[in-house]
Protein backbone atom coordinates (compact mmCIF):
# COMPACT_ATOMS: atom_id res chain seq x y z
CA MET A 1 -34.06 8.07 -28.49
CA PRO A 2 -30.92 10.24 -28.87
CA ASN A 3 -28.18 9.57 -26.35
CA HIS A 4 -27.40 13.24 -25.85
CA ILE A 5 -29.04 16.36 -24.45
CA ILE A 6 -29.15 19.98 -25.62
CA ILE A 7 -29.08 22.86 -23.12
CA LYS A 8 -29.45 26.38 -24.53
CA LYS A 9 -30.05 28.59 -21.52
CA LYS A 10 -29.22 29.00 -17.87
CA ILE A 11 -31.55 27.71 -15.19
CA ALA A 12 -33.98 30.21 -13.66
CA ASN A 13 -33.87 30.95 -9.94
CA PHE A 14 -35.39 28.25 -7.73
CA LYS A 15 -36.26 27.51 -4.13
CA LYS A 16 -36.72 23.78 -3.60
CA LYS A 17 -36.39 20.78 -1.32
CA ILE A 18 -35.07 17.58 -2.92
CA PHE A 19 -34.14 14.01 -2.05
CA VAL A 20 -31.05 12.61 -3.77
CA SER A 21 -30.58 8.92 -4.57
CA GLY A 22 -29.02 6.50 -2.08
CA ASP A 23 -25.31 6.54 -1.30
CA LYS A 24 -23.47 4.39 -3.86
CA SER A 25 -20.56 3.41 -1.61
CA ILE A 26 -22.87 2.23 1.15
CA SER A 27 -25.27 0.55 -1.29
CA ILE A 28 -22.52 -1.62 -2.80
CA ARG A 29 -21.08 -2.48 0.61
CA TRP A 30 -24.52 -3.38 1.97
CA VAL A 31 -25.06 -5.82 -0.92
CA LEU A 32 -21.68 -7.48 -0.27
CA PHE A 33 -22.03 -7.75 3.51
CA ALA A 34 -25.65 -8.92 3.27
CA SER A 35 -24.55 -11.66 0.87
CA ILE A 36 -22.24 -13.23 3.50
CA ALA A 37 -24.57 -12.63 6.44
CA SER A 38 -26.34 -15.44 8.25
CA GLY A 39 -29.97 -14.60 7.62
CA ILE A 40 -32.16 -12.12 5.79
CA SER A 41 -31.04 -8.52 5.29
CA LYS A 42 -33.29 -5.69 4.08
CA ALA A 43 -32.52 -2.26 2.66
CA ARG A 44 -34.57 0.75 1.59
CA ASN A 45 -33.43 3.60 -0.64
CA LEU A 46 -30.77 1.34 -2.14
CA LEU A 47 -29.28 3.10 -5.15
CA ILE A 48 -30.78 1.39 -8.20
CA SER A 49 -27.94 2.12 -10.60
CA GLU A 50 -25.91 -0.04 -12.96
CA ASP A 51 -23.05 -0.25 -10.45
CA VAL A 52 -25.26 -1.55 -7.64
CA LEU A 53 -27.21 -3.86 -9.93
CA ALA A 54 -23.86 -5.29 -11.07
CA ALA A 55 -23.09 -6.11 -7.42
CA ILE A 56 -26.44 -7.86 -7.09
CA ASN A 57 -25.84 -9.85 -10.27
CA ILE A 58 -22.44 -10.98 -8.99
CA ILE A 59 -23.73 -12.32 -5.68
CA LYS A 60 -26.53 -14.09 -7.56
CA LYS A 61 -23.82 -15.92 -9.52
CA PHE A 62 -22.53 -17.21 -6.20
CA GLY A 63 -25.95 -18.63 -5.29
CA ILE A 64 -27.33 -15.75 -3.20
CA LYS A 65 -31.05 -15.03 -3.52
CA VAL A 66 -32.15 -11.40 -3.96
CA ILE A 67 -35.72 -10.06 -4.07
CA GLN A 68 -36.90 -6.54 -4.88
CA LYS A 69 -40.30 -5.28 -3.73
CA LYS A 70 -40.60 -1.67 -4.95
CA ASP A 71 -38.19 0.31 -2.72
CA LEU A 72 -37.32 -2.72 -0.57
CA PHE A 73 -34.41 -5.04 -1.38
CA ILE A 74 -34.09 -8.37 0.43
CA ILE A 75 -30.95 -10.52 0.40
CA PHE A 76 -30.97 -14.06 1.74
CA GLY A 77 -27.44 -14.48 3.07
CA LYS A 78 -25.91 -17.94 3.43
CA GLY A 79 -23.17 -17.12 5.90
CA ILE A 80 -19.48 -16.24 5.72
CA ASP A 81 -18.72 -19.40 3.74
CA GLY A 82 -22.00 -19.54 1.84
CA TYR A 83 -20.81 -18.62 -1.66
CA ASN A 84 -21.23 -21.43 -4.19
CA TYR A 85 -18.11 -21.30 -6.37
CA ARG A 86 -18.44 -22.94 -9.74
CA LYS A 87 -15.79 -23.73 -12.32
CA ASN A 88 -15.14 -21.07 -15.00
CA THR A 89 -17.42 -18.46 -13.42
CA VAL A 90 -17.25 -15.02 -15.04
CA ILE A 91 -18.32 -11.99 -13.00
CA ASN A 92 -18.86 -8.52 -14.48
CA ALA A 93 -18.26 -5.37 -12.39
CA GLY A 94 -19.46 -3.11 -15.21
CA ASN A 95 -18.16 0.42 -14.62
CA SER A 96 -17.57 0.07 -10.87
CA ALA A 97 -14.00 -0.03 -9.56
CA THR A 98 -15.39 -0.17 -6.03
CA LEU A 99 -17.25 -3.37 -6.83
CA GLY A 100 -14.47 -4.84 -8.96
CA ARG A 101 -11.83 -4.36 -6.29
CA LEU A 102 -13.91 -5.20 -3.21
CA ILE A 103 -15.38 -8.42 -4.57
CA LEU A 104 -11.87 -9.83 -5.01
CA GLY A 105 -11.35 -9.65 -1.25
CA LEU A 106 -14.58 -11.55 -0.63
CA ILE A 107 -13.84 -14.41 -3.04
CA ILE A 108 -10.29 -14.95 -1.87
CA ASN A 109 -11.26 -18.36 -0.45
CA SER A 110 -12.40 -19.75 -3.80
CA SER A 111 -10.42 -22.80 -4.92
CA LYS A 112 -12.06 -22.41 -8.35
CA THR A 113 -10.71 -19.93 -10.89
CA ILE A 114 -12.95 -16.89 -11.31
CA ARG A 115 -12.69 -14.37 -14.15
CA LEU A 116 -13.46 -10.70 -13.50
CA VAL A 117 -14.38 -8.42 -16.40
CA GLY A 118 -15.67 -4.86 -16.73
CA ASP A 119 -16.67 -2.24 -19.27
CA LYS A 120 -14.24 -0.27 -21.44
CA SER A 121 -13.61 2.35 -18.76
CA LEU A 122 -13.04 -0.11 -15.91
CA SER A 123 -10.85 -2.28 -18.14
CA ARG A 124 -8.24 0.48 -18.39
CA ARG A 125 -7.87 0.89 -14.62
CA ASP A 126 -5.08 -0.48 -12.43
CA PHE A 127 -5.89 -3.72 -10.60
CA LYS A 128 -2.32 -4.50 -9.60
CA ARG A 129 -2.89 -2.20 -6.63
CA VAL A 130 -5.28 -4.78 -5.15
CA ALA A 131 -3.84 -7.96 -6.67
CA THR A 132 -0.48 -7.35 -4.97
CA PRO A 133 -1.73 -7.31 -1.35
CA LEU A 134 -4.36 -9.99 -1.99
CA SER A 135 -1.64 -12.28 -3.35
CA LYS A 136 0.04 -12.14 0.05
CA PHE A 137 -3.05 -13.81 1.54
CA GLY A 138 -2.46 -16.79 -0.77
CA ALA A 139 -4.53 -15.92 -3.86
CA LYS A 140 -3.16 -16.29 -7.40
CA PHE A 141 -3.82 -13.67 -10.09
CA LYS A 142 -3.43 -13.33 -13.81
CA LEU A 143 -3.80 -9.81 -15.19
CA GLU A 144 -3.42 -8.13 -18.54
CA LYS A 145 0.03 -6.67 -19.38
CA ASN A 146 -1.03 -3.22 -18.20
CA PHE A 147 -2.32 -4.71 -14.90
CA SER A 148 -5.94 -4.21 -15.92
CA LEU A 149 -9.04 -6.30 -16.59
CA PRO A 150 -9.91 -8.92 -17.48
CA LEU A 151 -8.18 -10.84 -14.70
CA THR A 152 -8.48 -14.26 -13.13
CA ILE A 153 -8.24 -15.06 -9.44
CA GLN A 154 -7.84 -18.41 -7.75
CA GLY A 155 -8.14 -18.26 -4.02
CA SER A 156 -7.15 -20.67 -1.31
CA LYS A 157 -8.87 -22.56 1.48
CA ASN A 158 -5.96 -21.69 3.76
CA ILE A 159 -5.90 -17.90 3.89
CA LYS A 160 -3.09 -16.47 6.01
CA SER A 161 -3.15 -13.05 7.67
CA ILE A 162 -0.82 -10.31 6.43
CA LYS A 163 0.65 -6.91 7.22
CA TYR A 164 -0.27 -4.25 4.65
CA HIS A 165 0.77 -0.62 4.20
CA GLU A 166 -1.69 1.34 2.03
CA THR A 167 0.00 4.53 0.79
CA ARG A 168 -2.35 5.90 -1.90
CA GLY A 169 -5.28 6.91 0.28
CA SER A 170 -7.45 4.39 -1.58
CA ALA A 171 -10.50 3.16 0.31
CA GLN A 172 -10.91 0.44 -2.31
CA CYS A 173 -7.45 -1.02 -1.69
CA LYS A 174 -7.87 -0.81 2.06
CA SER A 175 -11.37 -2.28 2.00
CA THR A 176 -10.58 -5.31 -0.17
CA VAL A 177 -7.75 -6.22 2.22
CA MET A 178 -10.14 -5.88 5.17
CA LEU A 179 -12.68 -8.14 3.47
CA ALA A 180 -10.00 -10.73 2.72
CA ALA A 181 -8.79 -10.50 6.33
CA MET A 182 -12.22 -11.63 7.49
CA ARG A 183 -11.41 -15.09 6.06
CA ALA A 184 -7.75 -15.22 7.14
CA ASN A 185 -6.34 -17.15 10.08
CA GLY A 186 -4.93 -14.83 12.72
CA THR A 187 -4.90 -11.03 12.73
CA THR A 188 -4.27 -8.81 9.70
CA TYR A 189 -2.55 -5.49 10.40
CA ILE A 190 -3.16 -2.53 8.08
CA LYS A 191 -1.52 0.89 8.10
CA ALA A 192 -3.59 3.03 5.74
CA LYS A 193 -3.36 6.59 4.52
CA LYS A 194 -6.53 8.52 5.34
CA SER A 195 -9.44 7.64 3.03
CA ARG A 196 -13.15 6.85 3.11
CA ASP A 197 -14.11 4.64 6.04
CA HIS A 198 -17.53 3.20 5.12
CA THR A 199 -16.19 -0.37 5.34
CA GLU A 200 -14.82 0.16 8.85
CA LYS A 201 -18.09 1.72 10.01
CA MET A 202 -20.18 -1.10 8.57
CA MET A 203 -17.93 -3.74 10.13
CA ARG A 204 -18.15 -2.06 13.53
CA ASP A 205 -21.92 -1.76 13.21
CA LEU A 206 -22.02 -5.51 12.56
CA CYS A 207 -19.85 -6.07 15.69
CA LEU A 208 -17.14 -7.77 13.64
CA PRO A 209 -13.62 -8.15 15.12
CA ILE A 210 -12.08 -4.91 13.86
CA ARG A 211 -10.00 -2.34 15.73
CA VAL A 212 -9.17 1.10 14.35
CA VAL A 213 -6.67 3.52 15.86
CA LYS A 214 -6.66 6.93 14.20
CA ARG A 215 -3.44 8.86 13.78
CA LYS A 216 -2.93 12.28 12.20
CA ASN A 217 -2.06 11.09 8.68
CA HIS A 218 -2.98 7.42 8.76
CA ASP A 219 -5.11 4.78 10.48
CA LEU A 220 -3.96 1.56 12.13
CA ILE A 221 -6.47 -1.20 11.51
CA GLN A 222 -6.59 -4.75 12.88
CA VAL A 223 -8.99 -7.36 11.51
CA LYS A 224 -9.39 -10.86 12.88
CA LYS A 225 -11.02 -13.88 11.26
CA VAL A 226 -14.81 -13.65 11.20
CA LYS A 227 -16.97 -16.61 12.15
CA LYS A 228 -20.39 -15.08 11.55
CA VAL A 229 -21.90 -11.93 10.02
CA LYS A 230 -25.31 -10.95 11.33
CA ALA A 231 -28.09 -9.77 9.03
CA LEU A 232 -28.06 -6.04 8.32
CA ASN A 233 -31.18 -3.92 7.81
CA TYR A 234 -30.34 -0.50 6.42
CA ASN A 235 -32.08 2.70 5.33
CA ILE A 236 -29.51 4.01 2.87
CA PRO A 237 -28.88 7.78 3.25
CA SER A 238 -28.51 10.07 0.23
CA ASP A 239 -25.17 10.36 -1.56
CA ILE A 240 -22.96 13.40 -0.87
CA SER A 241 -21.19 12.99 -4.23
CA SER A 242 -24.50 13.16 -6.08
CA SER A 243 -25.62 16.05 -3.88
CA ALA A 244 -22.48 18.02 -4.80
CA PHE A 245 -23.80 18.78 -8.29
CA PHE A 246 -26.89 20.48 -6.87
CA ILE A 247 -24.88 22.27 -4.18
CA VAL A 248 -22.75 23.84 -6.92
CA LEU A 249 -25.72 24.58 -9.18
CA THR A 250 -27.41 26.46 -6.34
CA ALA A 251 -24.23 28.35 -5.43
CA LEU A 252 -23.76 29.50 -9.04
CA SER A 253 -27.41 30.40 -9.68
CA LYS A 254 -28.91 33.80 -8.80
CA ASN A 255 -31.46 34.16 -6.01
CA SER A 256 -31.75 30.44 -5.42
CA GLU A 257 -32.04 28.23 -2.35
CA LEU A 258 -32.00 24.46 -1.94
CA LEU A 259 -32.48 21.94 0.86
CA ILE A 260 -31.15 18.42 0.26
CA LYS A 261 -32.60 15.97 2.77
CA ASN A 262 -30.94 13.13 4.69
CA VAL A 263 -27.46 13.20 3.15
CA ASN A 264 -24.53 11.08 4.31
CA ILE A 265 -21.93 13.57 5.60
CA ASN A 266 -19.31 11.01 6.59
CA HIS A 267 -16.19 12.98 7.61
CA SER A 268 -14.14 11.22 4.93
CA ARG A 269 -16.58 12.36 2.22
CA VAL A 270 -17.36 16.02 2.98
CA GLY A 271 -14.26 17.61 1.53
CA VAL A 272 -16.48 19.24 -1.08
CA VAL A 273 -18.44 21.04 1.66
CA THR A 274 -15.26 22.17 3.43
CA ILE A 275 -13.67 23.43 0.20
CA LEU A 276 -16.78 25.29 -0.97
CA LYS A 277 -17.24 26.92 2.43
CA LYS A 278 -13.65 28.17 2.24
CA MET A 279 -14.58 29.69 -1.14
CA GLY A 280 -17.49 31.58 0.43
CA VAL A 281 -20.36 29.30 -0.59
CA ASN A 282 -23.30 29.57 1.79
CA ILE A 283 -23.79 26.01 3.13
CA ILE A 284 -25.43 24.99 6.39
CA LEU A 285 -25.68 21.43 7.76
CA LYS A 286 -28.94 20.96 9.65
CA ASN A 287 -30.59 18.20 11.71
CA LYS A 288 -27.39 16.24 12.22
CA LYS A 289 -27.67 12.69 13.54
CA ILE A 290 -25.78 9.40 13.68
CA TYR A 291 -27.19 6.36 11.89
CA ARG A 292 -25.30 3.04 12.04
CA GLY A 293 -22.08 4.93 12.67
CA GLU A 294 -22.60 7.27 9.69
CA GLU A 295 -23.23 11.01 10.07
CA ILE A 296 -26.43 12.21 8.38
CA ALA A 297 -27.70 15.77 7.86
CA ASP A 298 -29.87 18.02 5.71
CA ILE A 299 -27.80 20.37 3.55
CA LYS A 300 -29.07 23.91 2.96
CA ILE A 301 -27.46 26.01 0.20
CA LYS A 302 -28.06 29.61 -0.89
CA SER A 303 -26.75 31.47 -3.93
CA SER A 304 -23.28 32.90 -3.50
CA LYS A 305 -22.92 36.63 -4.22
CA SER A 306 -19.12 36.48 -4.21
CA ILE A 307 -16.81 33.49 -4.59
CA LYS A 308 -13.29 33.54 -3.18
CA PRO A 309 -10.34 31.76 -4.81
CA ILE A 310 -8.64 28.94 -2.94
CA ASN A 311 -5.20 27.42 -2.62
CA CYS A 312 -6.73 24.05 -1.81
CA PRO A 313 -5.00 22.12 0.99
CA THR A 314 -3.92 18.67 -0.20
CA SER A 315 -5.22 17.29 3.10
CA LEU A 316 -8.73 17.70 1.64
CA ASN A 317 -8.03 15.80 -1.60
CA ALA A 318 -9.03 12.32 -0.44
CA SER A 319 -12.33 13.52 1.01
CA ALA A 320 -13.26 15.39 -2.20
CA ILE A 321 -11.64 13.23 -4.88
CA ASP A 322 -14.92 12.53 -6.72
CA GLU A 323 -16.13 16.13 -6.58
CA PHE A 324 -13.21 18.11 -8.00
CA LEU A 325 -14.65 18.41 -11.50
CA VAL A 326 -17.67 20.29 -10.21
CA ILE A 327 -15.54 22.23 -7.68
CA PHE A 328 -13.52 23.52 -10.65
CA LEU A 329 -16.72 25.19 -11.93
CA VAL A 330 -16.95 27.22 -8.72
CA ALA A 331 -13.29 28.21 -9.07
CA ALA A 332 -14.06 29.39 -12.61
CA LYS A 333 -16.31 32.11 -11.16
CA ALA A 334 -14.04 33.06 -8.26
CA ASN A 335 -12.70 36.58 -7.84
CA GLY A 336 -9.09 35.49 -8.31
CA ASN A 337 -6.98 32.44 -9.14
CA SER A 338 -7.38 29.03 -7.50
CA PHE A 339 -4.80 26.28 -7.25
CA PHE A 340 -5.35 22.56 -6.72
CA LYS A 341 -2.43 20.13 -6.46
CA GLY A 342 -1.74 16.47 -5.65
CA LEU A 343 -4.50 15.35 -8.01
CA ALA A 344 -2.72 12.70 -10.10
CA GLU A 345 -5.23 10.13 -8.81
CA LEU A 346 -7.97 11.95 -10.74
CA ASP A 347 -6.57 10.68 -14.03
CA LYS A 348 -6.90 7.09 -12.76
CA LYS A 349 -10.67 7.36 -12.42
CA GLU A 350 -13.37 6.38 -14.95
CA SER A 351 -11.80 8.85 -17.39
CA PRO A 352 -8.68 11.02 -17.07
CA ARG A 353 -10.67 13.50 -14.99
CA LEU A 354 -7.98 16.11 -14.40
CA LYS A 355 -7.52 16.38 -18.16
CA TRP A 356 -11.27 16.55 -18.63
CA GLY A 357 -11.59 19.23 -15.98
CA SER A 358 -9.09 21.32 -17.91
CA LYS A 359 -10.80 20.53 -21.21
CA ILE A 360 -14.25 21.62 -19.98
CA LEU A 361 -12.86 24.86 -18.55
CA THR A 362 -10.99 25.58 -21.78
CA LYS A 363 -14.14 25.03 -23.83
CA MET A 364 -15.89 27.49 -21.51
CA GLY A 365 -13.20 30.09 -22.14
CA VAL A 366 -11.68 29.79 -18.67
CA LYS A 367 -7.90 30.06 -18.62
CA ASN A 368 -6.19 27.24 -16.73
CA ILE A 369 -2.73 25.75 -16.42
CA THR A 370 -2.64 22.00 -15.87
CA THR A 371 0.19 19.60 -15.04
CA LYS A 372 0.09 15.86 -14.34
CA ASN A 373 -1.10 16.48 -10.79
CA SER A 374 -2.24 20.09 -10.51
CA ILE A 375 -4.45 22.75 -12.03
CA LYS A 376 -4.44 26.54 -11.70
CA ILE A 377 -7.78 28.14 -12.57
CA PHE A 378 -8.00 31.84 -13.43
CA GLY A 379 -11.38 32.83 -12.06
CA ASN A 380 -13.76 35.31 -13.71
CA PRO A 381 -16.69 36.55 -11.56
CA ASN A 382 -18.41 37.86 -14.72
CA LEU A 383 -18.07 34.65 -16.69
CA LYS A 384 -20.77 34.18 -19.32
CA ILE A 385 -20.80 31.75 -22.22
CA ASP A 386 -22.34 32.66 -25.57
CA LYS A 387 -20.99 29.93 -27.85
CA LYS A 388 -21.68 26.31 -28.71
CA ILE A 389 -19.90 23.63 -26.70
CA ILE A 390 -19.87 19.91 -27.51
CA ILE A 391 -18.92 17.31 -24.87
CA ASN A 392 -18.27 13.78 -26.15
CA ASN A 393 -15.74 10.91 -26.25
CA TYR A 394 -15.12 10.94 -22.50
CA LEU A 395 -15.33 7.16 -21.84
CA LYS A 396 -18.91 7.68 -20.66
CA ASP A 397 -17.73 9.03 -17.31
CA HIS A 398 -20.88 9.93 -15.37
CA ARG A 399 -19.19 12.79 -13.54
CA VAL A 400 -17.99 14.42 -16.77
CA PHE A 401 -21.56 14.32 -18.06
CA MET A 402 -23.12 15.75 -14.89
CA THR A 403 -20.44 18.43 -14.52
CA SER A 404 -21.12 19.54 -18.09
CA VAL A 405 -24.85 19.81 -17.37
CA ILE A 406 -24.20 21.95 -14.28
CA ALA A 407 -21.82 24.17 -16.29
CA ALA A 408 -24.43 24.68 -19.01
CA LEU A 409 -27.19 25.55 -16.53
CA SER A 410 -24.90 27.85 -14.52
CA PHE A 411 -23.06 29.81 -17.23
CA GLY A 412 -25.23 29.66 -20.33
CA GLY A 413 -24.22 28.99 -23.92
CA SER A 414 -25.48 26.24 -26.20
CA TRP A 415 -24.32 22.82 -25.00
CA GLU A 416 -24.57 19.48 -26.76
CA ILE A 417 -23.66 16.83 -24.20
CA HIS A 418 -23.35 13.28 -25.45
CA ASP A 419 -23.63 9.87 -23.72
CA SER A 420 -26.43 10.89 -21.37
CA LYS A 421 -26.85 7.21 -20.46
CA ALA A 422 -23.57 7.50 -18.53
CA ILE A 423 -25.54 8.56 -15.44
CA ARG A 424 -27.06 5.08 -15.20
CA THR A 425 -23.91 3.86 -13.46
CA SER A 426 -24.29 6.10 -10.41
CA PHE A 427 -27.22 8.52 -10.56
CA PRO A 428 -30.05 7.53 -12.95
CA ASN A 429 -32.36 10.11 -11.37
CA PHE A 430 -30.04 13.08 -12.04
CA LEU A 431 -31.92 14.62 -14.96
CA ASN A 432 -35.28 14.07 -13.25
CA ILE A 433 -34.11 16.21 -10.32
CA ILE A 434 -32.79 18.84 -12.74
CA ASN A 435 -36.29 18.97 -14.25
CA GLN A 436 -37.79 19.39 -10.76
CA LEU A 437 -35.63 22.48 -10.26
CA LYS A 438 -36.62 23.84 -13.68
CA LYS A 439 -40.36 23.63 -12.95
CA ASN A 440 -40.21 27.20 -11.68
CA GLU A 441 -39.57 28.28 -15.27
CA LYS A 442 -42.84 26.74 -16.47
CA LYS A 443 -44.82 28.40 -13.67
CA LYS A 444 -43.38 31.81 -14.55
CA LYS A 445 -44.33 31.38 -18.20
CA ASN A 446 -47.89 30.46 -17.25
CA ASN A 447 -48.36 33.44 -14.93
């Protein structure tokens, strides 16, 4: 089968209700916490993607039993010190920086040398940012010259607590230190720039010894040594990052309406909703509730008749960092010019995403000015595409692929989008949901 798709026309109007796949961040964290729990943990709606399956394969290498029964995953945890470390073990994080960085914090007590590898995209990403603080706990690292994978880690049986100042706004850096702190003697103190807080919420839900004090621009976190992790049963909510593609598709499509059920709207993840609302997109959060410390809601979206430009506040960057590519598509149709700054971190993702955002817009005929950390987008409310566009050679970044699909369905033109298998890392069901929304077209033809 060809590893590319062809899209030659815009999507017809639709009115649908959909369920999006499970939250990737929570899915990976559930696997890791369940693996060190004392007892049996169960999860439903776990995201069955390459990233999450890589997490499962890693804990299996450490002697943890995992069973899947249709939608139910069962992990037989062996306790906080239950990992079986073997000599010359190689673990593969695939495409997932979240997994690659977090697992290092969990295996910091291994006296055996462990080698961490990843795919081509992950192998170009910076791991010094986690190796540096983890070294302070007593672990030893060997990295490539550019501080990337593959790397080796040798932990210690005598892990000492540390003080750590996280300045990037990276939940991965903060989280791996928190996981390492669970094995350290004493109390670890962390001052962290605002970022996603799924790890903190899961630790508090498990009644682990963590204390979080929130300040305006940073959080103060204390983590003490953990003696026992209780089993964790979890119904994984839908992923806001995956939902963002359908929010934008609905906003850019005429006479359309969509309801996305049971989505995680964690405050550190809903920057995309805040930004799009500021741009005039019709979004309503319904049926809000709290589940295991996480905020959940149904998201209702209607087509936007007029889109306003935005000078995007940098305070929203961390909570929308994975959604900016698709946000740029909305800015392309705005009645005016939009400006986004402080986005250098985008080029340290699976692909240089800020560059790819500019490249996609340029291919679409949308004028933009891009620097190393900013982009100015000259919006065109009447934007229509009537040419052929080819998207390839993007390091198989799932978000580049999905953004290109949304652009093709929203603006028209003839698109040839390569590496469709890229979605397997985070959202294997993406094209199936697209086809659900396109079913209206078939009904109209038959009538």
